[in-house]
């Protein structure tokens, strides 16, 4: 009987302990990834004299930057900078009659991060997420954004940066740069006498800027375009930095083993005049219907010195048009027989 009593007491103790834990302990929730915009808003909430800008940004409904790094130009409260004209470069309008609102807020956000504290005198041209050009330049030891004075030191917010400016960024009349592309898909059913390729509709071309920090290199997506029925696409932009791009459609790309593809061998004459292939991949099996590769260094040998190791192709701003050739990953991927 005594044994039964102690067993019952132990069971009750365990039951009350379990109930106590379930009532008092908070459930463990999985962490939620914040968008960069949320991180920026949290940081803005800690800063002084940007409350008006922060409120408008928090209420904006169509700003989608995901987890990408961004640069934000936060406008000071207008009561904190009542005379905007004295805070702009001489001859610039400076936005003294414009207030921050839902229409112009996107002009103050740029994808990617930049060292604007060392802005060049001849302008670094960026493009805001609204598509407006943003000219950042230095003059007389000060830094301006479309003529508006900017504080040189940024506030860091996650991967992003916040620069405080004296007034709303005005629109700027800066001519856009254009890059023209044509994308072709290889005929993966090619036989002698058939067409080598066809225009690729709805191929996606993504554009990136590149940033080096020591040994680390990062590529930041800034825009993308889709090809039309003729395989053509045009990017209009204001970025004066070097641009890089990738081409893709339904798993088809312009690179194979990091070599840039240019087409198919369709005649014996092409094979006879081709560079020597020494890639140690299936690309070395040169024959009718196999893949052509760009001899990027022009030494008449296709080897590791012709690789695009980063996977990102550099835009040639001097080219009137850039052609791209894409195929599926498994086309011509069989290793040659020994």
C-alpha atoms as a PDB file:
ATOM      1  CA  UNK A   1       0.000   0.000   0.000  1.00  0.00           C
ATOM      2  CA  UNK A   2       2.801   2.387   0.915  1.00  0.00           C
ATOM      3  CA  UNK A   3       4.503   1.532  -2.351  1.00  0.00           C
ATOM      4  CA  UNK A   4       1.319   2.364  -4.284  1.00  0.00           C
ATOM      5  CA  UNK A   5       1.070   5.708  -2.468  1.00  0.00           C
ATOM      6  CA  UNK A   6       4.584   6.756  -3.416  1.00  0.00           C
ATOM      7  CA  UNK A   7       4.089   5.683  -7.005  1.00  0.00           C
ATOM      8  CA  UNK A   8       0.881   7.714  -7.216  1.00  0.00           C
ATOM      9  CA  UNK A   9       2.599  10.751  -5.655  1.00  0.00           C
ATOM     10  CA  UNK A  10       5.449  10.547  -8.194  1.00  0.00           C
ATOM     11  CA  UNK A  11       2.985  10.337 -11.074  1.00  0.00           C
ATOM     12  CA  UNK A  12       1.052  13.382  -9.839  1.00  0.00           C
ATOM     13  CA  UNK A  13       4.296  15.345  -9.433  1.00  0.00           C
ATOM     14  CA  UNK A  14       5.293  14.611 -13.029  1.00  0.00           C
ATOM     15  CA  UNK A  15       1.811  15.563 -14.281  1.00  0.00           C
ATOM     16  CA  UNK A  16       1.813  18.930 -12.483  1.00  0.00           C
ATOM     17  CA  UNK A  17       5.349  19.583 -13.682  1.00  0.00           C
ATOM     18  CA  UNK A  18       4.329  18.961 -17.303  1.00  0.00           C
ATOM     19  CA  UNK A  19       1.264  21.221 -16.971  1.00  0.00           C
ATOM     20  CA  UNK A  20       3.364  23.929 -15.344  1.00  0.00           C
ATOM     21  CA  UNK A  21       5.892  23.844 -18.182  1.00  0.00           C
ATOM     22  CA  UNK A  22       3.224  23.986 -20.877  1.00  0.00           C
ATOM     23  CA  UNK A  23       1.495  26.945 -19.188  1.00  0.00           C
ATOM     24  CA  UNK A  24       4.582  29.011 -18.381  1.00  0.00           C
ATOM     25  CA  UNK A  25       7.041  28.341 -21.205  1.00  0.00           C
ATOM     26  CA  UNK A  26       6.671  30.296 -24.443  1.00  0.00           C
ATOM     27  CA  UNK A  27       6.637  28.120 -27.562  1.00  0.00           C
ATOM     28  CA  UNK A  28       9.856  28.207 -29.558  1.00  0.00           C
ATOM     29  CA  UNK A  29       9.118  29.845 -32.919  1.00  0.00           C
ATOM     30  CA  UNK A  30      11.339  29.323 -35.957  1.00  0.00           C
ATOM     31  CA  UNK A  31      13.319  32.434 -36.979  1.00  0.00           C
ATOM     32  CA  UNK A  32      11.771  34.563 -39.709  1.00  0.00           C
ATOM     33  CA  UNK A  33      14.068  36.000 -42.387  1.00  0.00           C
ATOM     34  CA  UNK A  34      13.680  39.760 -42.624  1.00  0.00           C
ATOM     35  CA  UNK A  35      13.779  41.544 -45.930  1.00  0.00           C
ATOM     36  CA  UNK A  36      16.461  44.195 -46.364  1.00  0.00           C
ATOM     37  CA  UNK A  37      13.696  46.806 -46.378  1.00  0.00           C
ATOM     38  CA  UNK A  38      12.589  45.699 -42.909  1.00  0.00           C
ATOM     39  CA  UNK A  39      16.179  45.860 -41.673  1.00  0.00           C
ATOM     40  CA  UNK A  40      16.548  49.352 -43.133  1.00  0.00           C
ATOM     41  CA  UNK A  41      13.302  50.518 -41.535  1.00  0.00           C
ATOM     42  CA  UNK A  42      14.445  49.259 -38.132  1.00  0.00           C
ATOM     43  CA  UNK A  43      17.672  51.219 -38.498  1.00  0.00           C
ATOM     44  CA  UNK A  44      15.850  54.339 -39.678  1.00  0.00           C
ATOM     45  CA  UNK A  45      13.692  54.098 -36.559  1.00  0.00           C
ATOM     46  CA  UNK A  46      16.841  54.526 -34.464  1.00  0.00           C
ATOM     47  CA  UNK A  47      18.028  57.597 -36.387  1.00  0.00           C
ATOM     48  CA  UNK A  48      17.149  61.242 -35.724  1.00  0.00           C
ATOM     49  CA  UNK A  49      15.592  63.814 -38.089  1.00  0.00           C
ATOM     50  CA  UNK A  50      14.379  61.244 -40.677  1.00  0.00           C
ATOM     51  CA  UNK A  51      11.007  60.371 -39.137  1.00  0.00           C
ATOM     52  CA  UNK A  52       8.975  61.766 -42.054  1.00  0.00           C
ATOM     53  CA  UNK A  53      10.973  59.770 -44.593  1.00  0.00           C
ATOM     54  CA  UNK A  54      10.728  56.636 -42.443  1.00  0.00           C
ATOM     55  CA  UNK A  55       6.932  56.949 -42.189  1.00  0.00           C
ATOM     56  CA  UNK A  56       6.477  57.284 -45.963  1.00  0.00           C
ATOM     57  CA  UNK A  57       8.832  54.371 -46.640  1.00  0.00           C
ATOM     58  CA  UNK A  58       7.078  52.131 -44.106  1.00  0.00           C
ATOM     59  CA  UNK A  59       3.706  52.828 -45.760  1.00  0.00           C
ATOM     60  CA  UNK A  60       4.912  52.252 -49.337  1.00  0.00           C
ATOM     61  CA  UNK A  61       3.134  49.249 -50.843  1.00  0.00           C
ATOM     62  CA  UNK A  62       5.055  48.378 -54.009  1.00  0.00           C
ATOM     63  CA  UNK A  63       8.718  48.281 -52.980  1.00  0.00           C
ATOM     64  CA  UNK A  64       9.960  44.724 -53.442  1.00  0.00           C
ATOM     65  CA  UNK A  65      13.693  44.273 -52.938  1.00  0.00           C
ATOM     66  CA  UNK A  66      13.632  40.944 -51.095  1.00  0.00           C
ATOM     67  CA  UNK A  67      16.931  40.134 -49.386  1.00  0.00           C
ATOM     68  CA  UNK A  68      19.062  42.117 -51.844  1.00  0.00           C
ATOM     69  CA  UNK A  69      21.318  44.847 -50.491  1.00  0.00           C
ATOM     70  CA  UNK A  70      20.087  48.378 -51.159  1.00  0.00           C
ATOM     71  CA  UNK A  71      21.310  51.952 -50.805  1.00  0.00           C
ATOM     72  CA  UNK A  72      18.767  54.347 -49.317  1.00  0.00           C
ATOM     73  CA  UNK A  73      18.929  58.153 -49.453  1.00  0.00           C
ATOM     74  CA  UNK A  74      16.981  59.229 -46.366  1.00  0.00           C
ATOM     75  CA  UNK A  75      15.629  62.775 -46.526  1.00  0.00           C
ATOM     76  CA  UNK A  76      15.922  64.911 -43.412  1.00  0.00           C
ATOM     77  CA  UNK A  77      12.702  66.186 -41.865  1.00  0.00           C
ATOM     78  CA  UNK A  78      11.969  69.467 -43.572  1.00  0.00           C
ATOM     79  CA  UNK A  79      11.792  71.331 -40.256  1.00  0.00           C
ATOM     80  CA  UNK A  80      15.325  70.040 -39.648  1.00  0.00           C
ATOM     81  CA  UNK A  81      16.470  71.658 -42.892  1.00  0.00           C
ATOM     82  CA  UNK A  82      14.115  74.636 -43.481  1.00  0.00           C
ATOM     83  CA  UNK A  83      16.243  76.443 -46.041  1.00  0.00           C
ATOM     84  CA  UNK A  84      17.022  73.766 -48.624  1.00  0.00           C
ATOM     85  CA  UNK A  85      18.544  76.115 -51.159  1.00  0.00           C
ATOM     86  CA  UNK A  86      21.651  76.633 -49.054  1.00  0.00           C
ATOM     87  CA  UNK A  87      22.127  72.861 -48.875  1.00  0.00           C
ATOM     88  CA  UNK A  88      22.290  72.281 -52.625  1.00  0.00           C
ATOM     89  CA  UNK A  89      24.952  72.925 -55.177  1.00  0.00           C
ATOM     90  CA  UNK A  90      24.777  76.393 -56.672  1.00  0.00           C
ATOM     91  CA  UNK A  91      22.607  76.369 -59.776  1.00  0.00           C
ATOM     92  CA  UNK A  92      20.676  73.244 -58.750  1.00  0.00           C
ATOM     93  CA  UNK A  93      16.989  73.300 -57.853  1.00  0.00           C
ATOM     94  CA  UNK A  94      17.519  70.949 -54.930  1.00  0.00           C
ATOM     95  CA  UNK A  95      13.909  69.907 -54.409  1.00  0.00           C
ATOM     96  CA  UNK A  96      13.073  72.639 -51.853  1.00  0.00           C
ATOM     97  CA  UNK A  97       9.386  72.740 -52.897  1.00  0.00           C
ATOM     98  CA  UNK A  98       8.985  68.943 -53.046  1.00  0.00           C
ATOM     99  CA  UNK A  99       8.212  66.775 -50.044  1.00  0.00           C
ATOM    100  CA  UNK A 100       8.843  63.078 -49.716  1.00  0.00           C
ATOM    101  CA  UNK A 101       5.759  61.075 -50.716  1.00  0.00           C
ATOM    102  CA  UNK A 102       4.596  57.749 -52.137  1.00  0.00           C
ATOM    103  CA  UNK A 103       5.314  58.937 -55.689  1.00  0.00           C
ATOM    104  CA  UNK A 104       8.961  59.931 -55.250  1.00  0.00           C
ATOM    105  CA  UNK A 105      10.062  57.580 -52.436  1.00  0.00           C
ATOM    106  CA  UNK A 106      11.389  54.959 -54.911  1.00  0.00           C
ATOM    107  CA  UNK A 107      13.691  57.578 -56.417  1.00  0.00           C
ATOM    108  CA  UNK A 108      15.591  57.369 -53.111  1.00  0.00           C
ATOM    109  CA  UNK A 109      16.393  53.629 -53.282  1.00  0.00           C
ATOM    110  CA  UNK A 110      19.107  51.987 -55.384  1.00  0.00           C
ATOM    111  CA  UNK A 111      19.868  48.267 -55.584  1.00  0.00           C
ATOM    112  CA  UNK A 112      23.334  47.365 -54.341  1.00  0.00           C
ATOM    113  CA  UNK A 113      25.730  49.247 -52.073  1.00  0.00           C
ATOM    114  CA  UNK A 114      28.363  51.786 -53.084  1.00  0.00           C
ATOM    115  CA  UNK A 115      31.258  53.675 -51.504  1.00  0.00           C
ATOM    116  CA  UNK A 116      29.700  57.082 -52.058  1.00  0.00           C
ATOM    117  CA  UNK A 117      31.982  58.747 -49.534  1.00  0.00           C
ATOM    118  CA  UNK A 118      34.606  58.615 -52.294  1.00  0.00           C
ATOM    119  CA  UNK A 119      32.357  59.737 -55.136  1.00  0.00           C
ATOM    120  CA  UNK A 120      34.236  60.923 -58.234  1.00  0.00           C
ATOM    121  CA  UNK A 121      34.151  64.527 -59.408  1.00  0.00           C
ATOM    122  CA  UNK A 122      32.745  63.509 -62.800  1.00  0.00           C
ATOM    123  CA  UNK A 123      29.707  61.695 -61.337  1.00  0.00           C
ATOM    124  CA  UNK A 124      28.861  58.126 -60.517  1.00  0.00           C
ATOM    125  CA  UNK A 125      25.551  57.449 -62.269  1.00  0.00           C
ATOM    126  CA  UNK A 126      23.223  55.027 -60.483  1.00  0.00           C
ATOM    127  CA  UNK A 127      19.684  53.975 -61.271  1.00  0.00           C
ATOM    128  CA  UNK A 128      16.967  54.026 -58.640  1.00  0.00           C
ATOM    129  CA  UNK A 129      14.314  51.318 -58.424  1.00  0.00           C
ATOM    130  CA  UNK A 130      11.903  53.810 -60.004  1.00  0.00           C
ATOM    131  CA  UNK A 131      14.157  53.900 -63.083  1.00  0.00           C
ATOM    132  CA  UNK A 132      15.342  57.459 -62.415  1.00  0.00           C
ATOM    133  CA  UNK A 133      19.033  58.325 -62.886  1.00  0.00           C
ATOM    134  CA  UNK A 134      20.942  59.338 -59.754  1.00  0.00           C
ATOM    135  CA  UNK A 135      24.165  61.303 -60.221  1.00  0.00           C
ATOM    136  CA  UNK A 136      26.494  61.219 -57.211  1.00  0.00           C
ATOM    137  CA  UNK A 137      29.551  63.463 -57.384  1.00  0.00           C
ATOM    138  CA  UNK A 138      31.946  65.484 -55.256  1.00  0.00           C
ATOM    139  CA  UNK A 139      32.656  69.209 -55.430  1.00  0.00           C
ATOM    140  CA  UNK A 140      34.629  71.445 -53.106  1.00  0.00           C
ATOM    141  CA  UNK A 141      34.935  68.648 -50.574  1.00  0.00           C
ATOM    142  CA  UNK A 142      31.178  67.994 -50.466  1.00  0.00           C
ATOM    143  CA  UNK A 143      29.108  65.191 -51.987  1.00  0.00           C
ATOM    144  CA  UNK A 144      25.887  65.797 -53.914  1.00  0.00           C
ATOM    145  CA  UNK A 145      23.071  63.577 -55.181  1.00  0.00           C
ATOM    146  CA  UNK A 146      21.393  65.210 -58.195  1.00  0.00           C
ATOM    147  CA  UNK A 147      22.521  68.518 -56.694  1.00  0.00           C
ATOM    148  CA  UNK A 148      21.344  67.759 -53.130  1.00  0.00           C
ATOM    149  CA  UNK A 149      23.930  67.751 -50.343  1.00  0.00           C
ATOM    150  CA  UNK A 150      24.603  64.317 -48.834  1.00  0.00           C
ATOM    151  CA  UNK A 151      26.276  63.364 -45.562  1.00  0.00           C
ATOM    152  CA  UNK A 152      29.390  61.409 -46.477  1.00  0.00           C
ATOM    153  CA  UNK A 153      29.267  58.734 -43.766  1.00  0.00           C
ATOM    154  CA  UNK A 154      26.583  56.068 -44.187  1.00  0.00           C
ATOM    155  CA  UNK A 155      24.645  54.187 -41.537  1.00  0.00           C
ATOM    156  CA  UNK A 156      24.922  50.437 -42.026  1.00  0.00           C
ATOM    157  CA  UNK A 157      21.723  48.370 -41.904  1.00  0.00           C
ATOM    158  CA  UNK A 158      22.324  44.671 -42.457  1.00  0.00           C
ATOM    159  CA  UNK A 159      23.794  44.358 -45.937  1.00  0.00           C
ATOM    160  CA  UNK A 160      22.470  47.804 -46.875  1.00  0.00           C
ATOM    161  CA  UNK A 161      23.578  51.414 -46.472  1.00  0.00           C
ATOM    162  CA  UNK A 162      21.669  54.583 -45.540  1.00  0.00           C
ATOM    163  CA  UNK A 163      22.898  58.041 -46.552  1.00  0.00           C
ATOM    164  CA  UNK A 164      21.168  61.134 -45.135  1.00  0.00           C
ATOM    165  CA  UNK A 165      20.450  63.948 -47.586  1.00  0.00           C
ATOM    166  CA  UNK A 166      19.164  67.483 -47.020  1.00  0.00           C
ATOM    167  CA  UNK A 167      16.090  67.418 -49.268  1.00  0.00           C
ATOM    168  CA  UNK A 168      14.135  65.344 -51.782  1.00  0.00           C
ATOM    169  CA  UNK A 169      16.196  64.175 -54.764  1.00  0.00           C
ATOM    170  CA  UNK A 170      14.955  66.060 -57.851  1.00  0.00           C
ATOM    171  CA  UNK A 171      14.577  64.433 -61.237  1.00  0.00           C
ATOM    172  CA  UNK A 172      17.675  64.702 -63.412  1.00  0.00           C
ATOM    173  CA  UNK A 173      17.888  64.984 -67.194  1.00  0.00           C
ATOM    174  CA  UNK A 174      20.582  62.388 -67.871  1.00  0.00           C
ATOM    175  CA  UNK A 175      20.582  60.520 -71.204  1.00  0.00           C
ATOM    176  CA  UNK A 176      20.169  56.778 -70.824  1.00  0.00           C
ATOM    177  CA  UNK A 177      22.698  54.264 -72.081  1.00  0.00           C
ATOM    178  CA  UNK A 178      21.400  51.342 -74.142  1.00  0.00           C
ATOM    179  CA  UNK A 179      22.675  47.795 -74.621  1.00  0.00           C
ATOM    180  CA  UNK A 180      21.182  45.657 -77.423  1.00  0.00           C
ATOM    181  CA  UNK A 181      21.127  41.865 -77.353  1.00  0.00           C
ATOM    182  CA  UNK A 182      19.965  39.054 -79.624  1.00  0.00           C
ATOM    183  CA  UNK A 183      19.596  35.535 -78.214  1.00  0.00           C
ATOM    184  CA  UNK A 184      19.531  32.363 -80.321  1.00  0.00           C
ATOM    185  CA  UNK A 185      18.690  28.800 -79.305  1.00  0.00           C
ATOM    186  CA  UNK A 186      20.722  25.991 -80.818  1.00  0.00           C
ATOM    187  CA  UNK A 187      18.869  23.433 -82.904  1.00  0.00           C
ATOM    188  CA  UNK A 188      19.335  20.414 -80.679  1.00  0.00           C
ATOM    189  CA  UNK A 189      17.882  18.138 -83.384  1.00  0.00           C
ATOM    190  CA  UNK A 190      20.398  19.387 -85.914  1.00  0.00           C
ATOM    191  CA  UNK A 191      21.266  17.269 -88.943  1.00  0.00           C
ATOM    192  CA  UNK A 192      23.307  18.244 -91.976  1.00  0.00           C
ATOM    193  CA  UNK A 193      21.467  20.858 -94.018  1.00  0.00           C
ATOM    194  CA  UNK A 194      19.194  21.944 -91.151  1.00  0.00           C
ATOM    195  CA  UNK A 195      19.168  25.380 -89.516  1.00  0.00           C
ATOM    196  CA  UNK A 196      21.811  25.794 -86.828  1.00  0.00           C
ATOM    197  CA  UNK A 197      19.767  28.043 -84.544  1.00  0.00           C
ATOM    198  CA  UNK A 198      16.581  30.070 -84.145  1.00  0.00           C
ATOM    199  CA  UNK A 199      15.658  33.298 -82.384  1.00  0.00           C
ATOM    200  CA  UNK A 200      14.893  32.671 -78.708  1.00  0.00           C
ATOM    201  CA  UNK A 201      11.720  34.297 -77.411  1.00  0.00           C
ATOM    202  CA  UNK A 202      11.332  34.924 -73.659  1.00  0.00           C
ATOM    203  CA  UNK A 203      14.981  34.322 -72.841  1.00  0.00           C
ATOM    204  CA  UNK A 204      15.901  36.216 -69.676  1.00  0.00           C
ATOM    205  CA  UNK A 205      18.994  38.420 -69.587  1.00  0.00           C
ATOM    206  CA  UNK A 206      20.031  39.520 -66.107  1.00  0.00           C
ATOM    207  CA  UNK A 207      22.408  42.421 -65.504  1.00  0.00           C
ATOM    208  CA  UNK A 208      24.774  42.832 -62.572  1.00  0.00           C
ATOM    209  CA  UNK A 209      27.354  45.198 -61.150  1.00  0.00           C
ATOM    210  CA  UNK A 210      30.527  43.775 -59.657  1.00  0.00           C
ATOM    211  CA  UNK A 211      32.188  44.791 -56.404  1.00  0.00           C
ATOM    212  CA  UNK A 212      35.616  43.681 -55.196  1.00  0.00           C
ATOM    213  CA  UNK A 213      36.538  43.728 -51.508  1.00  0.00           C
ATOM    214  CA  UNK A 214      39.942  42.193 -51.054  1.00  0.00           C
ATOM    215  CA  UNK A 215      39.661  38.642 -52.336  1.00  0.00           C
ATOM    216  CA  UNK A 216      35.862  38.692 -52.213  1.00  0.00           C
ATOM    217  CA  UNK A 217      33.900  39.490 -55.366  1.00  0.00           C
ATOM    218  CA  UNK A 218      30.139  40.003 -55.286  1.00  0.00           C
ATOM    219  CA  UNK A 219      27.718  40.490 -58.173  1.00  0.00           C
ATOM    220  CA  UNK A 220      24.554  42.511 -57.537  1.00  0.00           C
ATOM    221  CA  UNK A 221      21.507  42.163 -59.770  1.00  0.00           C
ATOM    222  CA  UNK A 222      20.369  45.582 -61.013  1.00  0.00           C
ATOM    223  CA  UNK A 223      17.938  44.763 -63.832  1.00  0.00           C
ATOM    224  CA  UNK A 224      16.686  42.136 -66.268  1.00  0.00           C
ATOM    225  CA  UNK A 225      15.015  42.060 -69.688  1.00  0.00           C
ATOM    226  CA  UNK A 226      13.156  39.430 -71.725  1.00  0.00           C
ATOM    227  CA  UNK A 227      13.684  38.817 -75.436  1.00  0.00           C
ATOM    228  CA  UNK A 228      10.895  39.333 -77.980  1.00  0.00           C
ATOM    229  CA  UNK A 229       9.785  36.993 -80.793  1.00  0.00           C
ATOM    230  CA  UNK A 230      12.914  37.940 -82.763  1.00  0.00           C
ATOM    231  CA  UNK A 231      15.163  37.126 -79.819  1.00  0.00           C
ATOM    232  CA  UNK A 232      15.940  40.808 -79.277  1.00  0.00           C
ATOM    233  CA  UNK A 233      16.079  42.788 -76.039  1.00  0.00           C
ATOM    234  CA  UNK A 234      17.338  46.223 -75.034  1.00  0.00           C
ATOM    235  CA  UNK A 235      18.478  47.428 -71.636  1.00  0.00           C
ATOM    236  CA  UNK A 236      18.225  51.158 -70.947  1.00  0.00           C
ATOM    237  CA  UNK A 237      20.292  52.163 -67.939  1.00  0.00           C
ATOM    238  CA  UNK A 238      22.379  54.910 -66.380  1.00  0.00           C
ATOM    239  CA  UNK A 239      25.101  52.838 -64.755  1.00  0.00           C
ATOM    240  CA  UNK A 240      28.576  53.996 -65.727  1.00  0.00           C
ATOM    241  CA  UNK A 241      30.188  51.053 -63.947  1.00  0.00           C
ATOM    242  CA  UNK A 242      31.083  47.883 -65.821  1.00  0.00           C
ATOM    243  CA  UNK A 243      28.047  45.656 -66.271  1.00  0.00           C
ATOM    244  CA  UNK A 244      27.928  41.863 -66.358  1.00  0.00           C
ATOM    245  CA  UNK A 245      25.151  39.600 -67.614  1.00  0.00           C
ATOM    246  CA  UNK A 246      23.799  36.064 -67.771  1.00  0.00           C
ATOM    247  CA  UNK A 247      21.399  34.522 -70.296  1.00  0.00           C
ATOM    248  CA  UNK A 248      18.946  31.735 -69.474  1.00  0.00           C
ATOM    249  CA  UNK A 249      15.740  30.130 -70.716  1.00  0.00           C
ATOM    250  CA  UNK A 250      14.238  26.922 -69.368  1.00  0.00           C
ATOM    251  CA  UNK A 251      17.630  25.642 -68.239  1.00  0.00           C
ATOM    252  CA  UNK A 252      19.373  26.630 -71.472  1.00  0.00           C
ATOM    253  CA  UNK A 253      22.418  28.860 -70.973  1.00  0.00           C
ATOM    254  CA  UNK A 254      25.260  30.430 -72.937  1.00  0.00           C
ATOM    255  CA  UNK A 255      28.027  28.684 -70.971  1.00  0.00           C
ATOM    256  CA  UNK A 256      29.218  25.077 -70.869  1.00  0.00           C
ATOM    257  CA  UNK A 257      31.787  24.165 -68.244  1.00  0.00           C
ATOM    258  CA  UNK A 258      32.385  27.939 -67.987  1.00  0.00           C
ATOM    259  CA  UNK A 259      33.236  28.211 -71.712  1.00  0.00           C
ATOM    260  CA  UNK A 260      31.255  30.717 -73.781  1.00  0.00           C
ATOM    261  CA  UNK A 261      29.234  29.020 -76.532  1.00  0.00           C
ATOM    262  CA  UNK A 262      28.959  30.624 -79.968  1.00  0.00           C
ATOM    263  CA  UNK A 263      27.126  28.042 -82.102  1.00  0.00           C
ATOM    264  CA  UNK A 264      27.312  24.596 -83.696  1.00  0.00           C
ATOM    265  CA  UNK A 265      29.796  23.185 -86.166  1.00  0.00           C
ATOM    266  CA  UNK A 266      27.733  22.735 -89.346  1.00  0.00           C
ATOM    267  CA  UNK A 267      30.433  22.224 -92.023  1.00  0.00           C
ATOM    268  CA  UNK A 268      33.737  20.378 -92.304  1.00  0.00           C
ATOM    269  CA  UNK A 269      35.376  23.666 -93.311  1.00  0.00           C
ATOM    270  CA  UNK A 270      34.435  25.163 -89.928  1.00  0.00           C
ATOM    271  CA  UNK A 271      36.004  22.189 -88.185  1.00  0.00           C
ATOM    272  CA  UNK A 272      39.201  22.417 -90.274  1.00  0.00           C
ATOM    273  CA  UNK A 273      39.585  26.119 -89.415  1.00  0.00           C
ATOM    274  CA  UNK A 274      38.627  25.827 -85.755  1.00  0.00           C
ATOM    275  CA  UNK A 275      41.051  26.442 -82.861  1.00  0.00           C
ATOM    276  CA  UNK A 276      42.523  23.419 -81.139  1.00  0.00           C
ATOM    277  CA  UNK A 277      40.226  22.229 -78.355  1.00  0.00           C
ATOM    278  CA  UNK A 278      42.077  21.286 -75.143  1.00  0.00           C
ATOM    279  CA  UNK A 279      39.361  21.670 -72.491  1.00  0.00           C
ATOM    280  CA  UNK A 280      39.539  18.070 -71.212  1.00  0.00           C
ATOM    281  CA  UNK A 281      35.737  17.961 -71.439  1.00  0.00           C
ATOM    282  CA  UNK A 282      33.197  16.665 -73.946  1.00  0.00           C
ATOM    283  CA  UNK A 283      33.733  19.911 -75.876  1.00  0.00           C
ATOM    284  CA  UNK A 284      36.962  18.430 -77.238  1.00  0.00           C
ATOM    285  CA  UNK A 285      34.980  15.947 -79.346  1.00  0.00           C
ATOM    286  CA  UNK A 286      34.779  18.328 -82.318  1.00  0.00           C
ATOM    287  CA  UNK A 287      32.485  17.048 -85.062  1.00  0.00           C
ATOM    288  CA  UNK A 288      29.478  18.109 -87.087  1.00  0.00           C
ATOM    289  CA  UNK A 289      26.764  19.267 -84.698  1.00  0.00           C
ATOM    290  CA  UNK A 290      29.105  19.769 -81.737  1.00  0.00           C
ATOM    291  CA  UNK A 291      29.419  23.033 -79.833  1.00  0.00           C
ATOM    292  CA  UNK A 292      31.617  25.952 -80.840  1.00  0.00           C
ATOM    293  CA  UNK A 293      33.413  27.830 -78.073  1.00  0.00           C
ATOM    294  CA  UNK A 294      34.742  31.404 -78.041  1.00  0.00           C
ATOM    295  CA  UNK A 295      38.531  31.743 -78.179  1.00  0.00           C
ATOM    296  CA  UNK A 296      38.484  34.636 -75.723  1.00  0.00           C
ATOM    297  CA  UNK A 297      42.241  35.247 -75.583  1.00  0.00           C
ATOM    298  CA  UNK A 298      42.724  34.755 -79.322  1.00  0.00           C
ATOM    299  CA  UNK A 299      45.610  32.243 -79.102  1.00  0.00           C
ATOM    300  CA  UNK A 300      43.902  29.707 -81.424  1.00  0.00           C
ATOM    301  CA  UNK A 301      43.600  27.216 -78.562  1.00  0.00           C
ATOM    302  CA  UNK A 302      40.489  26.569 -76.496  1.00  0.00           C
ATOM    303  CA  UNK A 303      41.690  25.807 -72.976  1.00  0.00           C
ATOM    304  CA  UNK A 304      41.247  26.940 -69.381  1.00  0.00           C
ATOM    305  CA  UNK A 305      42.547  30.408 -70.313  1.00  0.00           C
ATOM    306  CA  UNK A 306      39.283  30.954 -72.207  1.00  0.00           C
ATOM    307  CA  UNK A 307      37.032  30.138 -69.269  1.00  0.00           C
ATOM    308  CA  UNK A 308      34.532  32.591 -67.788  1.00  0.00           C
ATOM    309  CA  UNK A 309      35.174  31.343 -64.277  1.00  0.00           C
ATOM    310  CA  UNK A 310      32.764  33.724 -62.561  1.00  0.00           C
ATOM    311  CA  UNK A 311      29.858  32.650 -64.745  1.00  0.00           C
ATOM    312  CA  UNK A 312      29.127  36.324 -65.477  1.00  0.00           C
ATOM    313  CA  UNK A 313      29.826  37.785 -68.930  1.00  0.00           C
ATOM    314  CA  UNK A 314      31.058  41.357 -69.258  1.00  0.00           C
ATOM    315  CA  UNK A 315      28.908  43.750 -71.285  1.00  0.00           C
ATOM    316  CA  UNK A 316      30.804  45.447 -74.098  1.00  0.00           C
ATOM    317  CA  UNK A 317      29.457  49.031 -74.086  1.00  0.00           C
ATOM    318  CA  UNK A 318      31.041  49.673 -77.508  1.00  0.00           C
ATOM    319  CA  UNK A 319      29.097  46.879 -79.219  1.00  0.00           C
ATOM    320  CA  UNK A 320      26.068  47.857 -81.276  1.00  0.00           C
ATOM    321  CA  UNK A 321      24.585  44.425 -80.538  1.00  0.00           C
ATOM    322  CA  UNK A 322      25.644  41.392 -78.505  1.00  0.00           C
ATOM    323  CA  UNK A 323      24.669  37.920 -79.750  1.00  0.00           C
ATOM    324  CA  UNK A 324      24.156  35.044 -77.336  1.00  0.00           C
ATOM    325  CA  UNK A 325      23.804  31.359 -78.134  1.00  0.00           C
ATOM    326  CA  UNK A 326      22.119  29.026 -75.651  1.00  0.00           C
ATOM    327  CA  UNK A 327      21.571  25.256 -75.446  1.00  0.00           C
ATOM    328  CA  UNK A 328      20.430  22.728 -72.872  1.00  0.00           C
ATOM    329  CA  UNK A 329      22.938  21.474 -70.324  1.00  0.00           C
ATOM    330  CA  UNK A 330      22.831  17.919 -71.685  1.00  0.00           C
ATOM    331  CA  UNK A 331      23.308  18.775 -75.377  1.00  0.00           C
ATOM    332  CA  UNK A 332      26.675  17.393 -76.537  1.00  0.00           C
ATOM    333  CA  UNK A 333      27.595  16.565 -72.958  1.00  0.00           C
ATOM    334  CA  UNK A 334      28.670  12.987 -73.647  1.00  0.00           C
ATOM    335  CA  UNK A 335      32.370  12.410 -73.008  1.00  0.00           C
ATOM    336  CA  UNK A 336      34.254  11.315 -76.162  1.00  0.00           C
ATOM    337  CA  UNK A 337      35.192   7.660 -76.368  1.00  0.00           C
ATOM    338  CA  UNK A 338      38.809   6.897 -75.513  1.00  0.00           C
END
